[in-house]
């Protein structure tokens, strides 16, 4: 669960790093090439995920869940490398317009900076049951074939708060994507 949360955020950042938009009406201005990209995201989290209702668990179950989360977090940063195809059309799409909807959240995205070499965003989401997500994304196009970035998110409600930090690197591999989507 923690692993999924940090890599999900890492995937969002990586897609942005490769030139996609973050649910914004305005297209990202990052100067990046369409084609096949290799994305490496390294994520780490701390705290308890807000989607766990520990109050419903027995004391023994709660202790096991908390121990499992602490053990996972004690392993430190987890790295994942994968490939993604960035088409010219996708560069113009609003690929994150559904972000948060699957968990019933309403999200507001704010552009802080949007240039050919730098994109900074703020994200704030909330749900009817009090869950909140807030964070920032910093993406830098070192060239049109190399991108780095960081994502810092806080997911929480009144009972649990989790901090997720993701560093990413994306590099362009070529024009042709093959079977990679």
C-alpha atoms as a PDB file:
ATOM      1  CA  UNK A   1       0.000   0.000   0.000  1.00  0.00           C
ATOM      2  CA  UNK A   2       2.752   2.450   0.934  1.00  0.00           C
ATOM      3  CA  UNK A   3       4.814   1.227  -1.957  1.00  0.00           C
ATOM      4  CA  UNK A   4       1.860   1.822  -4.278  1.00  0.00           C
ATOM      5  CA  UNK A   5       1.241   5.330  -2.958  1.00  0.00           C
ATOM      6  CA  UNK A   6       4.816   6.473  -3.403  1.00  0.00           C
ATOM      7  CA  UNK A   7       5.172   4.962  -6.861  1.00  0.00           C
ATOM      8  CA  UNK A   8       1.786   6.228  -7.961  1.00  0.00           C
ATOM      9  CA  UNK A   9       2.918   9.715  -7.087  1.00  0.00           C
ATOM     10  CA  UNK A  10       6.242   8.955  -8.739  1.00  0.00           C
ATOM     11  CA  UNK A  11       4.453   7.836 -11.884  1.00  0.00           C
ATOM     12  CA  UNK A  12       2.444  11.045 -11.985  1.00  0.00           C
ATOM     13  CA  UNK A  13       5.606  13.047 -11.626  1.00  0.00           C
ATOM     14  CA  UNK A  14       7.415  10.993 -14.211  1.00  0.00           C
ATOM     15  CA  UNK A  15       4.643  11.427 -16.719  1.00  0.00           C
ATOM     16  CA  UNK A  16       4.824  15.137 -16.129  1.00  0.00           C
ATOM     17  CA  UNK A  17       8.581  15.008 -16.356  1.00  0.00           C
ATOM     18  CA  UNK A  18       8.250  13.411 -19.744  1.00  0.00           C
ATOM     19  CA  UNK A  19       6.128  16.364 -20.812  1.00  0.00           C
ATOM     20  CA  UNK A  20       2.545  15.518 -19.904  1.00  0.00           C
ATOM     21  CA  UNK A  21       0.290  17.980 -18.118  1.00  0.00           C
ATOM     22  CA  UNK A  22      -0.929  17.828 -14.535  1.00  0.00           C
ATOM     23  CA  UNK A  23      -4.619  18.195 -15.135  1.00  0.00           C
ATOM     24  CA  UNK A  24      -4.154  21.778 -16.198  1.00  0.00           C
ATOM     25  CA  UNK A  25      -6.029  23.609 -18.910  1.00  0.00           C
ATOM     26  CA  UNK A  26      -2.674  25.078 -19.862  1.00  0.00           C
ATOM     27  CA  UNK A  27      -0.209  22.858 -21.700  1.00  0.00           C
ATOM     28  CA  UNK A  28       3.126  22.226 -20.025  1.00  0.00           C
ATOM     29  CA  UNK A  29       5.822  24.273 -21.695  1.00  0.00           C
ATOM     30  CA  UNK A  30       8.667  21.852 -20.950  1.00  0.00           C
ATOM     31  CA  UNK A  31      10.844  21.384 -24.019  1.00  0.00           C
ATOM     32  CA  UNK A  32      11.016  17.581 -24.277  1.00  0.00           C
ATOM     33  CA  UNK A  33      11.022  15.138 -27.190  1.00  0.00           C
ATOM     34  CA  UNK A  34       8.152  12.788 -27.920  1.00  0.00           C
ATOM     35  CA  UNK A  35       9.063   9.103 -28.072  1.00  0.00           C
ATOM     36  CA  UNK A  36      10.199   6.375 -25.708  1.00  0.00           C
ATOM     37  CA  UNK A  37      11.317   7.486 -22.235  1.00  0.00           C
ATOM     38  CA  UNK A  38      12.918   5.523 -19.416  1.00  0.00           C
ATOM     39  CA  UNK A  39      11.816   6.758 -16.016  1.00  0.00           C
ATOM     40  CA  UNK A  40      13.474   5.962 -12.717  1.00  0.00           C
ATOM     41  CA  UNK A  41      11.613   7.012  -9.590  1.00  0.00           C
ATOM     42  CA  UNK A  42      12.886   6.619  -6.061  1.00  0.00           C
ATOM     43  CA  UNK A  43      10.253   7.022  -3.380  1.00  0.00           C
ATOM     44  CA  UNK A  44      10.191   6.993   0.372  1.00  0.00           C
ATOM     45  CA  UNK A  45       7.359   7.476   2.828  1.00  0.00           C
ATOM     46  CA  UNK A  46       6.840   8.074   6.518  1.00  0.00           C
ATOM     47  CA  UNK A  47       3.757   7.983   8.701  1.00  0.00           C
ATOM     48  CA  UNK A  48       0.550   6.032   8.376  1.00  0.00           C
ATOM     49  CA  UNK A  49      -1.550   6.061   5.201  1.00  0.00           C
ATOM     50  CA  UNK A  50      -4.867   7.882   5.656  1.00  0.00           C
ATOM     51  CA  UNK A  51      -6.903   5.101   4.039  1.00  0.00           C
ATOM     52  CA  UNK A  52      -6.273   2.713   6.942  1.00  0.00           C
ATOM     53  CA  UNK A  53      -8.955   2.867   9.604  1.00  0.00           C
ATOM     54  CA  UNK A  54      -6.980   1.576  12.572  1.00  0.00           C
ATOM     55  CA  UNK A  55      -9.956   2.157  14.867  1.00  0.00           C
ATOM     56  CA  UNK A  56     -11.751  -0.815  13.344  1.00  0.00           C
ATOM     57  CA  UNK A  57      -8.891  -3.196  14.077  1.00  0.00           C
ATOM     58  CA  UNK A  58      -8.297  -5.213  17.199  1.00  0.00           C
ATOM     59  CA  UNK A  59      -5.239  -4.115  19.206  1.00  0.00           C
ATOM     60  CA  UNK A  60      -3.338  -7.145  17.857  1.00  0.00           C
ATOM     61  CA  UNK A  61      -4.301  -6.378  14.244  1.00  0.00           C
ATOM     62  CA  UNK A  62      -3.395  -2.724  14.692  1.00  0.00           C
ATOM     63  CA  UNK A  63       0.018  -3.652  16.111  1.00  0.00           C
ATOM     64  CA  UNK A  64       0.676  -5.974  13.132  1.00  0.00           C
ATOM     65  CA  UNK A  65      -0.367  -3.329  10.588  1.00  0.00           C
ATOM     66  CA  UNK A  66       1.718  -0.612  12.225  1.00  0.00           C
ATOM     67  CA  UNK A  67       4.722  -2.975  12.479  1.00  0.00           C
ATOM     68  CA  UNK A  68       4.413  -3.904   8.793  1.00  0.00           C
ATOM     69  CA  UNK A  69       4.268  -0.242   7.788  1.00  0.00           C
ATOM     70  CA  UNK A  70       7.264   0.639   9.953  1.00  0.00           C
ATOM     71  CA  UNK A  71       9.233  -2.318   8.565  1.00  0.00           C
ATOM     72  CA  UNK A  72       8.466  -1.268   5.009  1.00  0.00           C
ATOM     73  CA  UNK A  73       9.478   2.319   5.697  1.00  0.00           C
ATOM     74  CA  UNK A  74      12.649   1.182   7.514  1.00  0.00           C
ATOM     75  CA  UNK A  75      13.851  -0.357   4.244  1.00  0.00           C
ATOM     76  CA  UNK A  76      14.296   3.187   3.004  1.00  0.00           C
ATOM     77  CA  UNK A  77      13.802   4.513  -0.484  1.00  0.00           C
ATOM     78  CA  UNK A  78      12.462   2.127  -3.104  1.00  0.00           C
ATOM     79  CA  UNK A  79      13.467   2.526  -6.748  1.00  0.00           C
ATOM     80  CA  UNK A  80      11.471   1.573  -9.820  1.00  0.00           C
ATOM     81  CA  UNK A  81      12.529   1.924 -13.467  1.00  0.00           C
ATOM     82  CA  UNK A  82      10.072   1.616 -16.327  1.00  0.00           C
ATOM     83  CA  UNK A  83       9.452   2.824 -19.854  1.00  0.00           C
ATOM     84  CA  UNK A  84       6.707   5.132 -21.080  1.00  0.00           C
ATOM     85  CA  UNK A  85       5.721   6.340 -24.536  1.00  0.00           C
ATOM     86  CA  UNK A  86       5.143  10.043 -24.909  1.00  0.00           C
ATOM     87  CA  UNK A  87       3.352  10.927 -28.135  1.00  0.00           C
ATOM     88  CA  UNK A  88       2.893  14.382 -29.623  1.00  0.00           C
ATOM     89  CA  UNK A  89      -0.816  14.052 -28.823  1.00  0.00           C
ATOM     90  CA  UNK A  90      -0.141  13.117 -25.221  1.00  0.00           C
ATOM     91  CA  UNK A  91       1.980  16.228 -24.804  1.00  0.00           C
ATOM     92  CA  UNK A  92      -1.239  18.205 -25.340  1.00  0.00           C
ATOM     93  CA  UNK A  93      -3.626  16.007 -23.287  1.00  0.00           C
ATOM     94  CA  UNK A  94      -4.948  16.598 -19.824  1.00  0.00           C
ATOM     95  CA  UNK A  95      -3.698  13.196 -18.639  1.00  0.00           C
ATOM     96  CA  UNK A  96      -4.234  13.814 -14.922  1.00  0.00           C
ATOM     97  CA  UNK A  97      -7.739  15.222 -15.055  1.00  0.00           C
ATOM     98  CA  UNK A  98      -8.953  12.101 -13.233  1.00  0.00           C
ATOM     99  CA  UNK A  99      -6.349  12.317 -10.466  1.00  0.00           C
ATOM    100  CA  UNK A 100      -8.038  11.807  -7.128  1.00  0.00           C
ATOM    101  CA  UNK A 101     -11.431  10.851  -8.559  1.00  0.00           C
ATOM    102  CA  UNK A 102     -11.026   7.120  -7.890  1.00  0.00           C
ATOM    103  CA  UNK A 103     -10.733   7.887  -4.187  1.00  0.00           C
ATOM    104  CA  UNK A 104     -13.547  10.445  -4.247  1.00  0.00           C
ATOM    105  CA  UNK A 105     -11.246  13.448  -4.009  1.00  0.00           C
ATOM    106  CA  UNK A 106     -11.628  16.891  -5.513  1.00  0.00           C
ATOM    107  CA  UNK A 107      -8.301  18.387  -6.586  1.00  0.00           C
ATOM    108  CA  UNK A 108      -7.025  21.867  -7.281  1.00  0.00           C
ATOM    109  CA  UNK A 109      -3.807  22.303  -9.224  1.00  0.00           C
ATOM    110  CA  UNK A 110      -1.845  25.535  -9.293  1.00  0.00           C
ATOM    111  CA  UNK A 111       0.932  26.404 -11.728  1.00  0.00           C
ATOM    112  CA  UNK A 112       3.790  28.085  -9.900  1.00  0.00           C
ATOM    113  CA  UNK A 113       6.188  28.093 -12.852  1.00  0.00           C
ATOM    114  CA  UNK A 114       5.818  26.798 -16.414  1.00  0.00           C
ATOM    115  CA  UNK A 115       8.779  27.459 -18.713  1.00  0.00           C
ATOM    116  CA  UNK A 116      10.696  25.467 -21.320  1.00  0.00           C
ATOM    117  CA  UNK A 117      13.112  24.216 -18.651  1.00  0.00           C
ATOM    118  CA  UNK A 118      11.181  24.339 -15.379  1.00  0.00           C
ATOM    119  CA  UNK A 119       7.720  23.342 -14.195  1.00  0.00           C
ATOM    120  CA  UNK A 120       6.551  23.802 -10.611  1.00  0.00           C
ATOM    121  CA  UNK A 121       3.080  22.837  -9.424  1.00  0.00           C
ATOM    122  CA  UNK A 122       1.118  22.831  -6.192  1.00  0.00           C
ATOM    123  CA  UNK A 123      -1.599  20.242  -5.653  1.00  0.00           C
ATOM    124  CA  UNK A 124      -4.374  20.246  -3.033  1.00  0.00           C
ATOM    125  CA  UNK A 125      -7.034  17.561  -2.826  1.00  0.00           C
ATOM    126  CA  UNK A 126      -9.801  16.881  -0.325  1.00  0.00           C
ATOM    127  CA  UNK A 127     -12.632  14.415   0.079  1.00  0.00           C
ATOM    128  CA  UNK A 128     -16.028  14.587   1.757  1.00  0.00           C
ATOM    129  CA  UNK A 129     -14.764  12.418   4.624  1.00  0.00           C
ATOM    130  CA  UNK A 130     -11.921  14.781   5.545  1.00  0.00           C
ATOM    131  CA  UNK A 131      -9.012  13.134   3.755  1.00  0.00           C
ATOM    132  CA  UNK A 132      -6.529  15.636   2.358  1.00  0.00           C
ATOM    133  CA  UNK A 133      -3.568  15.474   0.021  1.00  0.00           C
ATOM    134  CA  UNK A 134      -1.257  18.395  -0.567  1.00  0.00           C
ATOM    135  CA  UNK A 135       2.096  18.705  -2.167  1.00  0.00           C
ATOM    136  CA  UNK A 136       4.420  20.117  -4.722  1.00  0.00           C
ATOM    137  CA  UNK A 137       6.082  18.940  -7.886  1.00  0.00           C
ATOM    138  CA  UNK A 138       9.295  20.385  -9.296  1.00  0.00           C
ATOM    139  CA  UNK A 139      10.343  19.248 -12.777  1.00  0.00           C
ATOM    140  CA  UNK A 140      13.455  20.426 -14.580  1.00  0.00           C
ATOM    141  CA  UNK A 141      14.285  19.694 -18.231  1.00  0.00           C
ATOM    142  CA  UNK A 142      18.073  19.550 -18.242  1.00  0.00           C
ATOM    143  CA  UNK A 143      17.786  19.087 -21.995  1.00  0.00           C
ATOM    144  CA  UNK A 144      15.009  17.900 -24.298  1.00  0.00           C
ATOM    145  CA  UNK A 145      16.231  14.331 -23.620  1.00  0.00           C
ATOM    146  CA  UNK A 146      16.882  14.447 -19.851  1.00  0.00           C
ATOM    147  CA  UNK A 147      14.542  15.457 -17.056  1.00  0.00           C
ATOM    148  CA  UNK A 148      14.847  15.389 -13.273  1.00  0.00           C
ATOM    149  CA  UNK A 149      12.263  16.147 -10.638  1.00  0.00           C
ATOM    150  CA  UNK A 150      11.000  15.871  -7.107  1.00  0.00           C
ATOM    151  CA  UNK A 151       7.548  15.313  -5.700  1.00  0.00           C
ATOM    152  CA  UNK A 152       6.661  15.964  -2.069  1.00  0.00           C
ATOM    153  CA  UNK A 153       3.174  14.996  -0.927  1.00  0.00           C
ATOM    154  CA  UNK A 154       1.392  14.845   2.408  1.00  0.00           C
ATOM    155  CA  UNK A 155      -1.605  12.539   2.517  1.00  0.00           C
ATOM    156  CA  UNK A 156      -3.718  12.755   5.611  1.00  0.00           C
ATOM    157  CA  UNK A 157      -6.865  13.030   7.602  1.00  0.00           C
ATOM    158  CA  UNK A 158      -7.486  13.675  11.260  1.00  0.00           C
ATOM    159  CA  UNK A 159      -6.272  10.193  12.220  1.00  0.00           C
ATOM    160  CA  UNK A 160      -3.283   9.445   9.960  1.00  0.00           C
ATOM    161  CA  UNK A 161      -0.770  11.418   7.947  1.00  0.00           C
ATOM    162  CA  UNK A 162       1.753  10.060   5.481  1.00  0.00           C
ATOM    163  CA  UNK A 163       4.566  11.990   3.820  1.00  0.00           C
ATOM    164  CA  UNK A 164       5.797  10.768   0.454  1.00  0.00           C
ATOM    165  CA  UNK A 165       8.930  12.030  -1.264  1.00  0.00           C
ATOM    166  CA  UNK A 166       9.884  10.940  -4.765  1.00  0.00           C
ATOM    167  CA  UNK A 167      12.969  11.803  -6.790  1.00  0.00           C
ATOM    168  CA  UNK A 168      12.904  11.008 -10.467  1.00  0.00           C
ATOM    169  CA  UNK A 169      15.016  10.926 -13.567  1.00  0.00           C
ATOM    170  CA  UNK A 170      13.660  10.502 -17.060  1.00  0.00           C
ATOM    171  CA  UNK A 171      15.726  10.021 -20.179  1.00  0.00           C
ATOM    172  CA  UNK A 172      14.665   9.876 -23.793  1.00  0.00           C
ATOM    173  CA  UNK A 173      15.545   6.601 -25.498  1.00  0.00           C
ATOM    174  CA  UNK A 174      14.373   7.236 -29.051  1.00  0.00           C
ATOM    175  CA  UNK A 175      11.574   8.175 -31.421  1.00  0.00           C
ATOM    176  CA  UNK A 176       9.996   4.711 -31.688  1.00  0.00           C
ATOM    177  CA  UNK A 177       8.039   3.318 -28.737  1.00  0.00           C
ATOM    178  CA  UNK A 178       7.497  -0.209 -30.012  1.00  0.00           C
ATOM    179  CA  UNK A 179       4.981  -1.988 -27.770  1.00  0.00           C
ATOM    180  CA  UNK A 180       5.409   0.451 -24.884  1.00  0.00           C
ATOM    181  CA  UNK A 181       2.403   2.634 -24.135  1.00  0.00           C
END
